[in-house]
Amino acid sequence: MTHPSSQTQPLSPALDLALFELLATLETFSDADFNAHWTNLTEAELQQVALILLQALTVNLNGKQVAGALRQVRPSPHPLH
C-alpha cells in the first residue's frame, strides 16, 4: 500500500472543500469556551490550529469512527438500512 504522503495526486475537490470549510468554521467558531472573533486569529494561526485538530483526530481515531464513515460512503446492501 502506498503511503498517502508519497502520492502526487492533488486533493479531490470534496476533500479540498472540507478543509476549506474547517478553516472557515474555525475562523468564526464560538462557544462557551472559545470565541474566534475575540482572538483575532491570523491566517497562519488558523492553519496551525486546523493542523493540530487534524493531528488530534488522527491520534484518537478508532474503528467505530472509521466504520461509521465507511457506512456513509458505501451504499447499504440492504435497502431497508
PDB file of N, CA and C in Angstrom:
ATOM      1  N   MET A   1       0.842  -1.180   0.000  1.00  0.00           N
ATOM      2  CA  MET A   1       0.000   0.000   0.000  1.00  0.00           C
ATOM      3  C   MET A   1       0.888   1.245   0.000  1.00  0.00           C
ATOM      4  N   THR A   2       0.571   2.207  -0.812  1.00  0.00           N
ATOM      5  CA  THR A   2       1.340   3.442  -0.900  1.00  0.00           C
ATOM      6  C   THR A   2       1.010   4.344   0.271  1.00  0.00           C
ATOM      7  N   HIS A   3       2.023   4.910   0.861  1.00  0.00           N
ATOM      8  CA  HIS A   3       1.828   5.860   1.963  1.00  0.00           C
ATOM      9  C   HIS A   3       1.219   7.128   1.388  1.00  0.00           C
ATOM     10  N   PRO A   4       0.170   7.681   2.022  1.00  0.00           N
ATOM     11  CA  PRO A   4      -0.515   8.855   1.468  1.00  0.00           C
ATOM     12  C   PRO A   4       0.413  10.032   1.174  1.00  0.00           C
ATOM     13  N   SER A   5       1.454  10.226   1.980  1.00  0.00           N
ATOM     14  CA  SER A   5       2.321  11.385   1.748  1.00  0.00           C
ATOM     15  C   SER A   5       3.178  11.202   0.506  1.00  0.00           C
ATOM     16  N   SER A   6       3.282   9.963  -0.018  1.00  0.00           N
ATOM     17  CA  SER A   6       4.090   9.738  -1.205  1.00  0.00           C
ATOM     18  C   SER A   6       3.266   9.854  -2.486  1.00  0.00           C
ATOM     19  N   GLN A   7       1.970  10.037  -2.367  1.00  0.00           N
ATOM     20  CA  GLN A   7       1.124  10.187  -3.534  1.00  0.00           C
ATOM     21  C   GLN A   7       1.274  11.598  -4.086  1.00  0.00           C
ATOM     22  N   THR A   8       1.272  11.709  -5.405  1.00  0.00           N
ATOM     23  CA  THR A   8       1.448  13.017  -6.028  1.00  0.00           C
ATOM     24  C   THR A   8       0.138  13.590  -6.553  1.00  0.00           C
ATOM     25  N   GLN A   9      -0.956  12.883  -6.357  1.00  0.00           N
ATOM     26  CA  GLN A   9      -2.241  13.378  -6.834  1.00  0.00           C
ATOM     27  C   GLN A   9      -2.708  14.545  -5.977  1.00  0.00           C
ATOM     28  N   PRO A  10      -3.310  15.558  -6.601  1.00  0.00           N
ATOM     29  CA  PRO A  10      -3.867  16.665  -5.815  1.00  0.00           C
ATOM     30  C   PRO A  10      -5.075  16.179  -5.010  1.00  0.00           C
ATOM     31  N   LEU A  11      -5.469  16.967  -4.025  1.00  0.00           N
ATOM     32  CA  LEU A  11      -6.645  16.629  -3.232  1.00  0.00           C
ATOM     33  C   LEU A  11      -7.882  16.613  -4.116  1.00  0.00           C
ATOM     34  N   SER A  12      -8.819  15.742  -3.783  1.00  0.00           N
ATOM     35  CA  SER A  12     -10.077  15.738  -4.512  1.00  0.00           C
ATOM     36  C   SER A  12     -10.806  17.047  -4.191  1.00  0.00           C
ATOM     37  N   PRO A  13     -11.667  17.509  -5.077  1.00  0.00           N
ATOM     38  CA  PRO A  13     -12.420  18.736  -4.792  1.00  0.00           C
ATOM     39  C   PRO A  13     -13.204  18.652  -3.487  1.00  0.00           C
ATOM     40  N   ALA A  14     -13.759  17.472  -3.173  1.00  0.00           N
ATOM     41  CA  ALA A  14     -14.537  17.324  -1.943  1.00  0.00           C
ATOM     42  C   ALA A  14     -13.645  17.452  -0.710  1.00  0.00           C
ATOM     43  N   LEU A  15     -12.451  16.863  -0.746  1.00  0.00           N
ATOM     44  CA  LEU A  15     -11.537  16.968   0.389  1.00  0.00           C
ATOM     45  C   LEU A  15     -11.012  18.393   0.520  1.00  0.00           C
ATOM     46  N   ASP A  16     -10.733  19.016  -0.597  1.00  0.00           N
ATOM     47  CA  ASP A  16     -10.297  20.412  -0.595  1.00  0.00           C
ATOM     48  C   ASP A  16     -11.380  21.301   0.014  1.00  0.00           C
ATOM     49  N   LEU A  17     -12.640  21.055  -0.354  1.00  0.00           N
ATOM     50  CA  LEU A  17     -13.763  21.824   0.185  1.00  0.00           C
ATOM     51  C   LEU A  17     -13.907  21.579   1.688  1.00  0.00           C
ATOM     52  N   ALA A  18     -13.740  20.330   2.123  1.00  0.00           N
ATOM     53  CA  ALA A  18     -13.851  20.014   3.547  1.00  0.00           C
ATOM     54  C   ALA A  18     -12.782  20.759   4.358  1.00  0.00           C
ATOM     55  N   LEU A  19     -11.582  20.835   3.839  1.00  0.00           N
ATOM     56  CA  LEU A  19     -10.522  21.583   4.531  1.00  0.00           C
ATOM     57  C   LEU A  19     -10.844  23.076   4.555  1.00  0.00           C
ATOM     58  N   PHE A  20     -11.352  23.584   3.445  1.00  0.00           N
ATOM     59  CA  PHE A  20     -11.753  24.990   3.389  1.00  0.00           C
ATOM     60  C   PHE A  20     -12.852  25.268   4.416  1.00  0.00           C
ATOM     61  N   GLU A  21     -13.833  24.356   4.507  1.00  0.00           N
ATOM     62  CA  GLU A  21     -14.927  24.534   5.454  1.00  0.00           C
ATOM     63  C   GLU A  21     -14.435  24.460   6.900  1.00  0.00           C
ATOM     64  N   LEU A  22     -13.450  23.600   7.176  1.00  0.00           N
ATOM     65  CA  LEU A  22     -12.870  23.541   8.516  1.00  0.00           C
ATOM     66  C   LEU A  22     -12.231  24.884   8.855  1.00  0.00           C
ATOM     67  N   LEU A  23     -11.452  25.438   7.942  1.00  0.00           N
ATOM     68  CA  LEU A  23     -10.810  26.733   8.184  1.00  0.00           C
ATOM     69  C   LEU A  23     -11.858  27.832   8.363  1.00  0.00           C
ATOM     70  N   ALA A  24     -12.890  27.820   7.545  1.00  0.00           N
ATOM     71  CA  ALA A  24     -13.945  28.830   7.654  1.00  0.00           C
ATOM     72  C   ALA A  24     -14.684  28.707   8.977  1.00  0.00           C
ATOM     73  N   THR A  25     -14.937  27.477   9.411  1.00  0.00           N
ATOM     74  CA  THR A  25     -15.618  27.254  10.683  1.00  0.00           C
ATOM     75  C   THR A  25     -14.753  27.730  11.840  1.00  0.00           C
ATOM     76  N   LEU A  26     -13.468  27.412  11.799  1.00  0.00           N
ATOM     77  CA  LEU A  26     -12.566  27.855  12.861  1.00  0.00           C
ATOM     78  C   LEU A  26     -12.480  29.375  12.927  1.00  0.00           C
ATOM     79  N   GLU A  27     -12.523  30.011  11.775  1.00  0.00           N
ATOM     80  CA  GLU A  27     -12.408  31.470  11.699  1.00  0.00           C
ATOM     81  C   GLU A  27     -13.548  32.177  12.410  1.00  0.00           C
ATOM     82  N   THR A  28     -14.711  31.526  12.471  1.00  0.00           N
ATOM     83  CA  THR A  28     -15.889  32.145  13.089  1.00  0.00           C
ATOM     84  C   THR A  28     -16.405  31.357  14.288  1.00  0.00           C
ATOM     85  N   PHE A  29     -15.676  30.336  14.718  1.00  0.00           N
ATOM     86  CA  PHE A  29     -16.141  29.446  15.776  1.00  0.00           C
ATOM     87  C   PHE A  29     -16.355  30.190  17.086  1.00  0.00           C
ATOM     88  N   SER A  30     -17.452  29.829  17.755  1.00  0.00           N
ATOM     89  CA  SER A  30     -17.744  30.419  19.054  1.00  0.00           C
ATOM     90  C   SER A  30     -18.579  29.451  19.872  1.00  0.00           C
ATOM     91  N   ASP A  31     -18.156  29.244  21.113  1.00  0.00           N
ATOM     92  CA  ASP A  31     -18.957  28.511  22.077  1.00  0.00           C
ATOM     93  C   ASP A  31     -18.591  29.035  23.462  1.00  0.00           C
ATOM     94  N   ALA A  32     -18.988  28.333  24.496  1.00  0.00           N
ATOM     95  CA  ALA A  32     -18.748  28.810  25.868  1.00  0.00           C
ATOM     96  C   ALA A  32     -17.260  28.901  26.211  1.00  0.00           C
ATOM     97  N   ASP A  33     -16.423  28.135  25.509  1.00  0.00           N
ATOM     98  CA  ASP A  33     -15.004  28.097  25.838  1.00  0.00           C
ATOM     99  C   ASP A  33     -14.099  28.894  24.905  1.00  0.00           C
ATOM    100  N   PHE A  34     -14.632  29.300  23.762  1.00  0.00           N
ATOM    101  CA  PHE A  34     -13.767  29.948  22.762  1.00  0.00           C
ATOM    102  C   PHE A  34     -14.599  30.827  21.845  1.00  0.00           C
ATOM    103  N   ASN A  35     -14.043  31.974  21.488  1.00  0.00           N
ATOM    104  CA  ASN A  35     -14.681  32.864  20.532  1.00  0.00           C
ATOM    105  C   ASN A  35     -13.611  33.374  19.576  1.00  0.00           C
ATOM    106  N   ALA A  36     -13.647  32.904  18.340  1.00  0.00           N
ATOM    107  CA  ALA A  36     -12.634  33.275  17.350  1.00  0.00           C
ATOM    108  C   ALA A  36     -12.601  34.781  17.099  1.00  0.00           C
ATOM    109  N   HIS A  37     -13.748  35.428  17.180  1.00  0.00           N
ATOM    110  CA  HIS A  37     -13.800  36.870  16.929  1.00  0.00           C
ATOM    111  C   HIS A  37     -12.929  37.634  17.927  1.00  0.00           C
ATOM    112  N   TRP A  38     -12.936  37.207  19.170  1.00  0.00           N
ATOM    113  CA  TRP A  38     -12.164  37.900  20.203  1.00  0.00           C
ATOM    114  C   TRP A  38     -10.668  37.638  20.096  1.00  0.00           C
ATOM    115  N   THR A  39     -10.282  36.541  19.464  1.00  0.00           N
ATOM    116  CA  THR A  39      -8.862  36.191  19.419  1.00  0.00           C
ATOM    117  C   THR A  39      -8.120  36.795  18.245  1.00  0.00           C
ATOM    118  N   ASN A  40      -8.840  37.279  17.234  1.00  0.00           N
ATOM    119  CA  ASN A  40      -8.210  37.862  16.051  1.00  0.00           C
ATOM    120  C   ASN A  40      -7.146  36.942  15.468  1.00  0.00           C
ATOM    121  N   LEU A  41      -7.551  35.724  15.114  1.00  0.00           N
ATOM    122  CA  LEU A  41      -6.633  34.736  14.561  1.00  0.00           C
ATOM    123  C   LEU A  41      -6.025  35.211  13.244  1.00  0.00           C
ATOM    124  N   THR A  42      -4.721  35.032  13.120  1.00  0.00           N
ATOM    125  CA  THR A  42      -4.077  35.289  11.832  1.00  0.00           C
ATOM    126  C   THR A  42      -4.290  34.073  10.938  1.00  0.00           C
ATOM    127  N   GLU A  43      -4.045  34.211   9.659  1.00  0.00           N
ATOM    128  CA  GLU A  43      -4.182  33.082   8.733  1.00  0.00           C
ATOM    129  C   GLU A  43      -3.231  31.955   9.126  1.00  0.00           C
ATOM    130  N   ALA A  44      -2.024  32.291   9.514  1.00  0.00           N
ATOM    131  CA  ALA A  44      -1.054  31.271   9.929  1.00  0.00           C
ATOM    132  C   ALA A  44      -1.539  30.537  11.179  1.00  0.00           C
ATOM    133  N   GLU A  45      -2.080  31.268  12.144  1.00  0.00           N
ATOM    134  CA  GLU A  45      -2.607  30.634  13.363  1.00  0.00           C
ATOM    135  C   GLU A  45      -3.788  29.729  13.035  1.00  0.00           C
ATOM    136  N   LEU A  46      -4.649  30.206  12.155  1.00  0.00           N
ATOM    137  CA  LEU A  46      -5.817  29.428  11.746  1.00  0.00           C
ATOM    138  C   LEU A  46      -5.383  28.098  11.135  1.00  0.00           C
ATOM    139  N   GLN A  47      -4.403  28.139  10.265  1.00  0.00           N
ATOM    140  CA  GLN A  47      -3.910  26.917   9.636  1.00  0.00           C
ATOM    141  C   GLN A  47      -3.226  26.003  10.652  1.00  0.00           C
ATOM    142  N   GLN A  48      -2.500  26.573  11.598  1.00  0.00           N
ATOM    143  CA  GLN A  48      -1.837  25.763  12.617  1.00  0.00           C
ATOM    144  C   GLN A  48      -2.857  25.101  13.542  1.00  0.00           C
ATOM    145  N   VAL A  49      -3.909  25.824  13.899  1.00  0.00           N
ATOM    146  CA  VAL A  49      -4.966  25.249  14.739  1.00  0.00           C
ATOM    147  C   VAL A  49      -5.644  24.104  13.986  1.00  0.00           C
ATOM    148  N   ALA A  50      -5.944  24.300  12.708  1.00  0.00           N
ATOM    149  CA  ALA A  50      -6.563  23.236  11.905  1.00  0.00           C
ATOM    150  C   ALA A  50      -5.645  22.023  11.851  1.00  0.00           C
ATOM    151  N   LEU A  51      -4.368  22.241  11.675  1.00  0.00           N
ATOM    152  CA  LEU A  51      -3.406  21.146  11.632  1.00  0.00           C
ATOM    153  C   LEU A  51      -3.382  20.382  12.949  1.00  0.00           C
ATOM    154  N   ILE A  52      -3.376  21.087  14.060  1.00  0.00           N
ATOM    155  CA  ILE A  52      -3.381  20.441  15.379  1.00  0.00           C
ATOM    156  C   ILE A  52      -4.649  19.619  15.565  1.00  0.00           C
ATOM    157  N   LEU A  53      -5.798  20.159  15.147  1.00  0.00           N
ATOM    158  CA  LEU A  53      -7.059  19.422  15.270  1.00  0.00           C
ATOM    159  C   LEU A  53      -7.059  18.168  14.396  1.00  0.00           C
ATOM    160  N   LEU A  54      -6.525  18.262  13.187  1.00  0.00           N
ATOM    161  CA  LEU A  54      -6.449  17.090  12.315  1.00  0.00           C
ATOM    162  C   LEU A  54      -5.488  16.050  12.877  1.00  0.00           C
ATOM    163  N   GLN A  55      -4.382  16.507  13.463  1.00  0.00           N
ATOM    164  CA  GLN A  55      -3.444  15.576  14.092  1.00  0.00           C
ATOM    165  C   GLN A  55      -4.093  14.891  15.288  1.00  0.00           C
ATOM    166  N   ALA A  56      -4.884  15.619  16.069  1.00  0.00           N
ATOM    167  CA  ALA A  56      -5.582  15.027  17.212  1.00  0.00           C
ATOM    168  C   ALA A  56      -6.590  13.983  16.738  1.00  0.00           C
ATOM    169  N   LEU A  57      -7.288  14.270  15.655  1.00  0.00           N
ATOM    170  CA  LEU A  57      -8.215  13.289  15.095  1.00  0.00           C
ATOM    171  C   LEU A  57      -7.460  12.034  14.685  1.00  0.00           C
ATOM    172  N   THR A  58      -6.325  12.205  14.049  1.00  0.00           N
ATOM    173  CA  THR A  58      -5.518  11.070  13.608  1.00  0.00           C
ATOM    174  C   THR A  58      -5.070  10.216  14.781  1.00  0.00           C
ATOM    175  N   VAL A  59      -4.608  10.842  15.837  1.00  0.00           N
ATOM    176  CA  VAL A  59      -4.113  10.118  17.012  1.00  0.00           C
ATOM    177  C   VAL A  59      -5.247   9.399  17.737  1.00  0.00           C
ATOM    178  N   ASN A  60      -6.419  10.004  17.781  1.00  0.00           N
ATOM    179  CA  ASN A  60      -7.537   9.464  18.549  1.00  0.00           C
ATOM    180  C   ASN A  60      -8.530   8.662  17.718  1.00  0.00           C
ATOM    181  N   LEU A  61      -8.226   8.446  16.468  1.00  0.00           N
ATOM    182  CA  LEU A  61      -9.110   7.715  15.569  1.00  0.00           C
ATOM    183  C   LEU A  61      -9.323   6.290  16.065  1.00  0.00           C
ATOM    184  N   ASN A  62     -10.556   5.821  15.959  1.00  0.00           N
ATOM    185  CA  ASN A  62     -10.832   4.438  16.366  1.00  0.00           C
ATOM    186  C   ASN A  62     -11.684   3.750  15.304  1.00  0.00           C
ATOM    187  N   GLY A  63     -11.800   2.446  15.462  1.00  0.00           N
ATOM    188  CA  GLY A  63     -12.512   1.636  14.483  1.00  0.00           C
ATOM    189  C   GLY A  63     -13.964   2.007  14.314  1.00  0.00           C
ATOM    190  N   LYS A  64     -14.639   2.402  15.392  1.00  0.00           N
ATOM    191  CA  LYS A  64     -16.050   2.795  15.288  1.00  0.00           C
ATOM    192  C   LYS A  64     -16.197   4.019  14.384  1.00  0.00           C
ATOM    193  N   GLN A  65     -15.285   4.983  14.527  1.00  0.00           N
ATOM    194  CA  GLN A  65     -15.345   6.183  13.690  1.00  0.00           C
ATOM    195  C   GLN A  65     -15.108   5.831  12.220  1.00  0.00           C
ATOM    196  N   VAL A  66     -14.092   4.997  11.978  1.00  0.00           N
ATOM    197  CA  VAL A  66     -13.772   4.617  10.599  1.00  0.00           C
ATOM    198  C   VAL A  66     -14.921   3.818   9.993  1.00  0.00           C
ATOM    199  N   ALA A  67     -15.452   2.855  10.747  1.00  0.00           N
ATOM    200  CA  ALA A  67     -16.571   2.040  10.252  1.00  0.00           C
ATOM    201  C   ALA A  67     -17.798   2.910   9.985  1.00  0.00           C
ATOM    202  N   GLY A  68     -18.081   3.861  10.870  1.00  0.00           N
ATOM    203  CA  GLY A  68     -19.217   4.755  10.675  1.00  0.00           C
ATOM    204  C   GLY A  68     -19.064   5.602   9.420  1.00  0.00           C
ATOM    205  N   ALA A  69     -17.860   6.099   9.199  1.00  0.00           N
ATOM    206  CA  ALA A  69     -17.610   6.889   7.994  1.00  0.00           C
ATOM    207  C   ALA A  69     -17.735   6.026   6.745  1.00  0.00           C
ATOM    208  N   LEU A  70     -17.228   4.801   6.816  1.00  0.00           N
ATOM    209  CA  LEU A  70     -17.326   3.905   5.667  1.00  0.00           C
ATOM    210  C   LEU A  70     -18.782   3.571   5.362  1.00  0.00           C
ATOM    211  N   ARG A  71     -19.613   3.415   6.395  1.00  0.00           N
ATOM    212  CA  ARG A  71     -21.037   3.164   6.165  1.00  0.00           C
ATOM    213  C   ARG A  71     -21.691   4.339   5.432  1.00  0.00           C
ATOM    214  N   GLN A  72     -21.201   5.534   5.662  1.00  0.00           N
ATOM    215  CA  GLN A  72     -21.746   6.700   4.955  1.00  0.00           C
ATOM    216  C   GLN A  72     -21.310   6.712   3.499  1.00  0.00           C
ATOM    217  N   VAL A  73     -20.146   6.149   3.222  1.00  0.00           N
ATOM    218  CA  VAL A  73     -19.595   6.141   1.871  1.00  0.00           C
ATOM    219  C   VAL A  73     -20.184   5.020   1.023  1.00  0.00           C
ATOM    220  N   ARG A  74     -20.281   3.843   1.620  1.00  0.00           N
ATOM    221  CA  ARG A  74     -20.767   2.675   0.882  1.00  0.00           C
ATOM    222  C   ARG A  74     -22.275   2.544   1.004  1.00  0.00           C
ATOM    223  N   PRO A  75     -22.939   2.269  -0.101  1.00  0.00           N
ATOM    224  CA  PRO A  75     -24.380   2.036  -0.014  1.00  0.00           C
ATOM    225  C   PRO A  75     -24.652   0.739   0.739  1.00  0.00           C
ATOM    226  N   SER A  76     -25.721   0.719   1.470  1.00  0.00           N
ATOM    227  CA  SER A  76     -26.095  -0.464   2.232  1.00  0.00           C
ATOM    228  C   SER A  76     -26.554  -1.557   1.279  1.00  0.00           C
ATOM    229  N   PRO A  77     -26.100  -2.804   1.513  1.00  0.00           N
ATOM    230  CA  PRO A  77     -26.574  -3.891   0.652  1.00  0.00           C
ATOM    231  C   PRO A  77     -28.037  -4.240   0.937  1.00  0.00           C
ATOM    232  N   HIS A  78     -28.558  -3.731   2.040  1.00  0.00           N
ATOM    233  CA  HIS A  78     -29.942  -3.992   2.418  1.00  0.00           C
ATOM    234  C   HIS A  78     -30.736  -2.698   2.263  1.00  0.00           C
ATOM    235  N   PRO A  79     -31.707  -2.643   1.375  1.00  0.00           N
ATOM    236  CA  PRO A  79     -32.425  -1.393   1.095  1.00  0.00           C
ATOM    237  C   PRO A  79     -33.165  -0.809   2.301  1.00  0.00           C
ATOM    238  N   LEU A  80     -33.438  -1.593   3.333  1.00  0.00           N
ATOM    239  CA  LEU A  80     -34.159  -1.075   4.491  1.00  0.00           C
ATOM    240  C   LEU A  80     -33.232  -0.447   5.526  1.00  0.00           C
ATOM    241  N   HIS A  81     -31.936  -0.493   5.326  1.00  0.00           N
ATOM    242  CA  HIS A  81     -30.989   0.087   6.288  1.00  0.00           C
ATOM    243  C   HIS A  81     -30.550   1.448   5.859  1.00  0.00           C
TER     244      HIS A  81
END
